[in-house]
Amino acid sequence: MIPVINTATALTSAGVTDSVPTLGTEDFVIQVLVASIGTNVVIRIEGTLDETNWFNCDFDGDTTITANGVTAFNIQNAPLKALRGRLVSISGGTPSVTFTFSKFG
C-alpha cells in the first residue's frame, strides 16, 4: 500500500495548495482529480528546496486536462523539501481540482 502524505482541499479557482513536506522521501506519486470541468484546467506540480522558491516539477511545462477524472504524475529521485499543487487556470465551467500526494519506494 502506498502511504498518502496529504490530500489537499479541492481548488476551485486559480491558486496553490498548502505545501506538503516530503518527509525525507525522494519518490512520489501525485494524483490529480478533476470534477465538473468546463473546457479545460491547467495544472502544475511544484517543488521546492527551501519552501520559498518554487519551480515546476515537469520540465515540459504545465499540464492541460480536458476531461473529468484522475491523472497521475510520478516524480523520482528528487530530493525536495516540499511539494504543492497549482491550479494555473480554468477555461469554462466551475471545476474542482484535488491533489493527493503519496510517497513510494
N, C-alpha and C. Protein backbone atom coordinates (compact mmCIF):
# COMPACT_ATOMS: atom_id res chain seq x y z
N MET A 1 0.84 -1.19 0.00
CA MET A 1 0.00 0.00 0.00
C MET A 1 0.89 1.25 0.00
N ILE A 2 0.56 2.20 -0.84
CA ILE A 2 1.30 3.45 -0.92
C ILE A 2 0.76 4.41 0.14
N PRO A 3 1.63 4.88 1.05
CA PRO A 3 1.15 5.80 2.08
C PRO A 3 0.85 7.18 1.52
N VAL A 4 -0.30 7.69 1.87
CA VAL A 4 -0.70 9.03 1.45
C VAL A 4 -0.09 10.03 2.43
N ILE A 5 0.63 11.00 1.90
CA ILE A 5 1.18 12.06 2.73
C ILE A 5 0.11 13.11 3.01
N ASN A 6 -0.64 13.49 1.96
CA ASN A 6 -1.58 14.59 2.10
C ASN A 6 -2.58 14.58 0.96
N THR A 7 -3.83 14.83 1.28
CA THR A 7 -4.85 15.11 0.27
C THR A 7 -5.26 16.57 0.47
N ALA A 8 -4.99 17.37 -0.52
CA ALA A 8 -5.27 18.80 -0.42
C ALA A 8 -6.76 19.08 -0.59
N THR A 9 -7.21 20.18 -0.03
CA THR A 9 -8.56 20.65 -0.25
C THR A 9 -8.72 20.98 -1.73
N ALA A 10 -9.88 20.70 -2.27
CA ALA A 10 -10.12 20.96 -3.69
C ALA A 10 -9.97 22.44 -4.01
N LEU A 11 -9.24 22.73 -5.07
CA LEU A 11 -9.12 24.10 -5.57
C LEU A 11 -10.23 24.33 -6.58
N THR A 12 -10.91 25.47 -6.46
CA THR A 12 -11.99 25.82 -7.38
C THR A 12 -11.70 27.12 -8.13
N SER A 13 -10.54 27.70 -7.88
CA SER A 13 -10.07 28.87 -8.62
C SER A 13 -8.55 28.80 -8.66
N ALA A 14 -7.96 29.61 -9.52
CA ALA A 14 -6.50 29.59 -9.65
C ALA A 14 -5.86 29.85 -8.30
N GLY A 15 -4.83 29.07 -8.01
CA GLY A 15 -4.13 29.20 -6.73
C GLY A 15 -3.33 27.96 -6.44
N VAL A 16 -2.81 27.86 -5.20
CA VAL A 16 -1.96 26.73 -4.82
C VAL A 16 -2.52 26.03 -3.58
N THR A 17 -2.16 24.76 -3.45
CA THR A 17 -2.47 24.01 -2.24
C THR A 17 -1.46 24.39 -1.17
N ASP A 18 -1.71 23.96 0.05
CA ASP A 18 -0.70 24.09 1.08
C ASP A 18 0.50 23.26 0.68
N SER A 19 1.67 23.63 1.15
CA SER A 19 2.85 22.83 0.85
C SER A 19 2.80 21.53 1.65
N VAL A 20 3.36 20.48 1.06
CA VAL A 20 3.36 19.16 1.66
C VAL A 20 4.81 18.75 1.90
N PRO A 21 5.24 18.63 3.17
CA PRO A 21 6.62 18.21 3.43
C PRO A 21 6.87 16.82 2.85
N THR A 22 8.04 16.60 2.31
CA THR A 22 8.34 15.33 1.66
C THR A 22 8.82 14.26 2.63
N LEU A 23 9.09 14.61 3.86
CA LEU A 23 9.44 13.67 4.91
C LEU A 23 10.64 12.80 4.55
N GLY A 24 11.61 13.40 3.84
CA GLY A 24 12.83 12.69 3.50
C GLY A 24 12.72 11.70 2.36
N THR A 25 11.56 11.66 1.73
CA THR A 25 11.34 10.75 0.61
C THR A 25 11.70 11.46 -0.69
N GLU A 26 12.23 10.72 -1.68
CA GLU A 26 12.60 11.31 -2.96
C GLU A 26 11.73 10.81 -4.11
N ASP A 27 10.80 9.90 -3.86
CA ASP A 27 9.97 9.32 -4.92
C ASP A 27 8.50 9.51 -4.56
N PHE A 28 7.72 10.05 -5.50
CA PHE A 28 6.33 10.41 -5.22
C PHE A 28 5.40 10.05 -6.37
N VAL A 29 4.16 9.82 -6.02
CA VAL A 29 3.07 9.76 -6.99
C VAL A 29 2.10 10.86 -6.57
N ILE A 30 1.70 11.67 -7.53
CA ILE A 30 0.72 12.71 -7.27
C ILE A 30 -0.50 12.41 -8.12
N GLN A 31 -1.64 12.31 -7.46
CA GLN A 31 -2.91 12.07 -8.14
C GLN A 31 -3.67 13.39 -8.21
N VAL A 32 -4.17 13.71 -9.40
CA VAL A 32 -4.95 14.93 -9.59
C VAL A 32 -6.34 14.52 -10.04
N LEU A 33 -7.32 14.84 -9.21
CA LEU A 33 -8.72 14.51 -9.50
C LEU A 33 -9.45 15.77 -9.94
N VAL A 34 -10.02 15.73 -11.15
CA VAL A 34 -10.75 16.87 -11.70
C VAL A 34 -12.22 16.48 -11.82
N ALA A 35 -13.08 17.36 -11.31
CA ALA A 35 -14.53 17.15 -11.40
C ALA A 35 -15.19 18.43 -11.92
N SER A 36 -16.31 18.27 -12.60
CA SER A 36 -17.13 19.39 -13.11
C SER A 36 -16.37 20.31 -14.06
N ILE A 37 -15.54 19.71 -14.92
CA ILE A 37 -14.74 20.50 -15.84
C ILE A 37 -15.63 21.15 -16.90
N GLY A 38 -15.20 22.34 -17.35
CA GLY A 38 -15.86 23.00 -18.48
C GLY A 38 -15.11 22.61 -19.73
N THR A 39 -14.20 23.46 -20.18
CA THR A 39 -13.38 23.18 -21.35
C THR A 39 -12.07 22.51 -20.95
N ASN A 40 -11.32 23.16 -20.03
CA ASN A 40 -10.07 22.57 -19.54
C ASN A 40 -9.60 23.26 -18.27
N VAL A 41 -8.65 22.62 -17.60
CA VAL A 41 -7.92 23.24 -16.50
C VAL A 41 -6.43 23.04 -16.80
N VAL A 42 -5.62 23.98 -16.36
CA VAL A 42 -4.18 23.88 -16.50
C VAL A 42 -3.62 23.77 -15.08
N ILE A 43 -2.81 22.72 -14.86
CA ILE A 43 -2.27 22.49 -13.51
C ILE A 43 -0.75 22.38 -13.58
N ARG A 44 -0.16 22.45 -12.39
CA ARG A 44 1.30 22.33 -12.26
C ARG A 44 1.60 21.67 -10.92
N ILE A 45 2.55 20.75 -10.91
CA ILE A 45 3.09 20.21 -9.67
C ILE A 45 4.38 20.98 -9.40
N GLU A 46 4.47 21.60 -8.22
CA GLU A 46 5.64 22.42 -7.91
C GLU A 46 6.44 21.80 -6.77
N GLY A 47 7.74 21.99 -6.83
CA GLY A 47 8.64 21.53 -5.79
C GLY A 47 9.50 22.68 -5.30
N THR A 48 10.12 22.48 -4.14
CA THR A 48 11.00 23.50 -3.58
C THR A 48 12.13 22.84 -2.81
N LEU A 49 13.24 23.52 -2.77
CA LEU A 49 14.37 23.08 -1.97
C LEU A 49 14.42 23.85 -0.64
N ASP A 50 13.70 24.99 -0.58
CA ASP A 50 13.79 25.85 0.60
C ASP A 50 12.45 26.37 1.13
N GLU A 51 11.34 25.97 0.52
CA GLU A 51 9.98 26.42 0.84
C GLU A 51 9.78 27.93 0.64
N THR A 52 10.66 28.53 -0.15
CA THR A 52 10.50 29.94 -0.53
C THR A 52 10.41 30.06 -2.05
N ASN A 53 11.29 29.38 -2.74
CA ASN A 53 11.36 29.43 -4.20
C ASN A 53 10.82 28.12 -4.76
N TRP A 54 9.75 28.23 -5.57
CA TRP A 54 9.05 27.06 -6.11
C TRP A 54 9.30 26.96 -7.61
N PHE A 55 9.35 25.73 -8.13
CA PHE A 55 9.57 25.51 -9.56
C PHE A 55 8.66 24.39 -10.04
N ASN A 56 8.43 24.38 -11.35
CA ASN A 56 7.61 23.35 -11.98
C ASN A 56 8.40 22.04 -12.00
N CYS A 57 7.83 20.97 -11.47
CA CYS A 57 8.49 19.66 -11.46
C CYS A 57 8.45 18.98 -12.83
N ASP A 58 7.63 19.49 -13.73
CA ASP A 58 7.55 18.94 -15.09
C ASP A 58 8.29 19.89 -16.02
N PHE A 59 9.46 19.49 -16.45
CA PHE A 59 10.29 20.37 -17.27
C PHE A 59 9.70 20.60 -18.65
N ASP A 60 8.64 19.85 -19.03
CA ASP A 60 7.96 20.07 -20.29
C ASP A 60 6.93 21.19 -20.19
N GLY A 61 6.66 21.68 -18.99
CA GLY A 61 5.71 22.77 -18.80
C GLY A 61 4.46 22.34 -18.07
N ASP A 62 3.48 23.23 -18.04
CA ASP A 62 2.22 22.97 -17.36
C ASP A 62 1.44 21.87 -18.08
N THR A 63 0.48 21.29 -17.37
CA THR A 63 -0.33 20.20 -17.91
C THR A 63 -1.76 20.69 -18.11
N THR A 64 -2.31 20.52 -19.30
CA THR A 64 -3.70 20.85 -19.59
C THR A 64 -4.53 19.58 -19.51
N ILE A 65 -5.60 19.62 -18.72
CA ILE A 65 -6.50 18.49 -18.56
C ILE A 65 -7.85 18.89 -19.16
N THR A 66 -8.42 18.02 -20.01
CA THR A 66 -9.63 18.38 -20.75
C THR A 66 -10.85 17.54 -20.41
N ALA A 67 -10.73 16.65 -19.43
CA ALA A 67 -11.87 15.79 -19.06
C ALA A 67 -11.85 15.52 -17.56
N ASN A 68 -13.03 15.24 -17.02
CA ASN A 68 -13.11 14.84 -15.62
C ASN A 68 -12.38 13.52 -15.44
N GLY A 69 -11.84 13.31 -14.26
CA GLY A 69 -11.18 12.05 -13.97
C GLY A 69 -9.89 12.25 -13.20
N VAL A 70 -9.09 11.19 -13.20
CA VAL A 70 -7.84 11.18 -12.44
C VAL A 70 -6.65 11.15 -13.39
N THR A 71 -5.67 11.98 -13.10
CA THR A 71 -4.40 11.99 -13.81
C THR A 71 -3.31 11.78 -12.78
N ALA A 72 -2.32 10.95 -13.09
CA ALA A 72 -1.25 10.67 -12.14
C ALA A 72 0.09 11.18 -12.67
N PHE A 73 0.91 11.62 -11.74
CA PHE A 73 2.26 12.09 -12.05
C PHE A 73 3.24 11.34 -11.16
N ASN A 74 4.42 11.06 -11.70
CA ASN A 74 5.44 10.32 -10.99
C ASN A 74 6.69 11.18 -10.91
N ILE A 75 7.20 11.39 -9.71
CA ILE A 75 8.44 12.13 -9.51
C ILE A 75 9.42 11.19 -8.83
N GLN A 76 10.61 11.01 -9.43
CA GLN A 76 11.59 10.09 -8.86
C GLN A 76 12.93 10.78 -8.64
N ASN A 77 13.62 10.32 -7.60
CA ASN A 77 14.97 10.80 -7.30
C ASN A 77 15.04 12.32 -7.19
N ALA A 78 14.08 12.89 -6.51
CA ALA A 78 14.01 14.35 -6.37
C ALA A 78 14.10 14.71 -4.89
N PRO A 79 15.26 15.14 -4.42
CA PRO A 79 15.43 15.46 -3.01
C PRO A 79 14.83 16.82 -2.65
N LEU A 80 13.52 16.88 -2.70
CA LEU A 80 12.79 18.13 -2.45
C LEU A 80 12.45 18.28 -0.97
N LYS A 81 12.29 19.51 -0.55
CA LYS A 81 11.86 19.77 0.82
C LYS A 81 10.34 19.69 0.93
N ALA A 82 9.65 20.11 -0.13
CA ALA A 82 8.19 20.09 -0.12
C ALA A 82 7.65 20.10 -1.54
N LEU A 83 6.38 19.73 -1.66
CA LEU A 83 5.63 19.76 -2.92
C LEU A 83 4.35 20.53 -2.70
N ARG A 84 3.76 20.99 -3.80
CA ARG A 84 2.42 21.58 -3.75
C ARG A 84 1.81 21.50 -5.14
N GLY A 85 0.51 21.64 -5.20
CA GLY A 85 -0.19 21.68 -6.47
C GLY A 85 -0.61 23.09 -6.79
N ARG A 86 -0.63 23.42 -8.07
CA ARG A 86 -1.09 24.75 -8.51
C ARG A 86 -2.14 24.58 -9.59
N LEU A 87 -3.28 25.21 -9.40
CA LEU A 87 -4.28 25.34 -10.44
C LEU A 87 -3.95 26.65 -11.15
N VAL A 88 -3.38 26.53 -12.33
CA VAL A 88 -2.89 27.69 -13.07
C VAL A 88 -4.05 28.48 -13.68
N SER A 89 -4.97 27.76 -14.34
CA SER A 89 -6.09 28.46 -14.98
C SER A 89 -7.25 27.50 -15.22
N ILE A 90 -8.41 28.11 -15.41
CA ILE A 90 -9.66 27.39 -15.70
C ILE A 90 -10.24 27.99 -16.97
N SER A 91 -10.70 27.12 -17.88
CA SER A 91 -11.39 27.58 -19.07
C SER A 91 -12.79 26.96 -19.07
N GLY A 92 -13.76 27.73 -18.68
CA GLY A 92 -15.16 27.29 -18.68
C GLY A 92 -15.53 26.42 -17.49
N GLY A 93 -16.78 26.52 -17.09
CA GLY A 93 -17.31 25.68 -16.03
C GLY A 93 -16.84 26.10 -14.64
N THR A 94 -17.16 25.27 -13.66
CA THR A 94 -16.77 25.51 -12.27
C THR A 94 -16.12 24.24 -11.71
N PRO A 95 -14.96 23.87 -12.24
CA PRO A 95 -14.33 22.62 -11.84
C PRO A 95 -13.73 22.69 -10.44
N SER A 96 -13.51 21.50 -9.87
CA SER A 96 -12.70 21.39 -8.66
C SER A 96 -11.53 20.47 -8.99
N VAL A 97 -10.38 20.80 -8.43
CA VAL A 97 -9.15 20.05 -8.69
C VAL A 97 -8.54 19.69 -7.34
N THR A 98 -8.41 18.38 -7.09
CA THR A 98 -7.85 17.91 -5.81
C THR A 98 -6.54 17.17 -6.07
N PHE A 99 -5.50 17.57 -5.36
CA PHE A 99 -4.18 16.96 -5.46
C PHE A 99 -3.99 16.03 -4.26
N THR A 100 -3.55 14.79 -4.52
CA THR A 100 -3.20 13.85 -3.45
C THR A 100 -1.74 13.46 -3.64
N PHE A 101 -0.95 13.62 -2.59
CA PHE A 101 0.49 13.36 -2.64
C PHE A 101 0.78 12.07 -1.87
N SER A 102 1.47 11.14 -2.51
CA SER A 102 1.85 9.87 -1.88
C SER A 102 3.32 9.60 -2.11
N LYS A 103 3.95 8.98 -1.14
CA LYS A 103 5.35 8.60 -1.30
C LYS A 103 5.40 7.11 -1.64
N PHE A 104 6.48 6.71 -2.30
CA PHE A 104 6.69 5.30 -2.57
C PHE A 104 8.17 5.02 -2.57
N GLY A 105 8.50 3.78 -2.57
CA GLY A 105 9.90 3.40 -2.61
C GLY A 105 10.45 3.08 -1.24
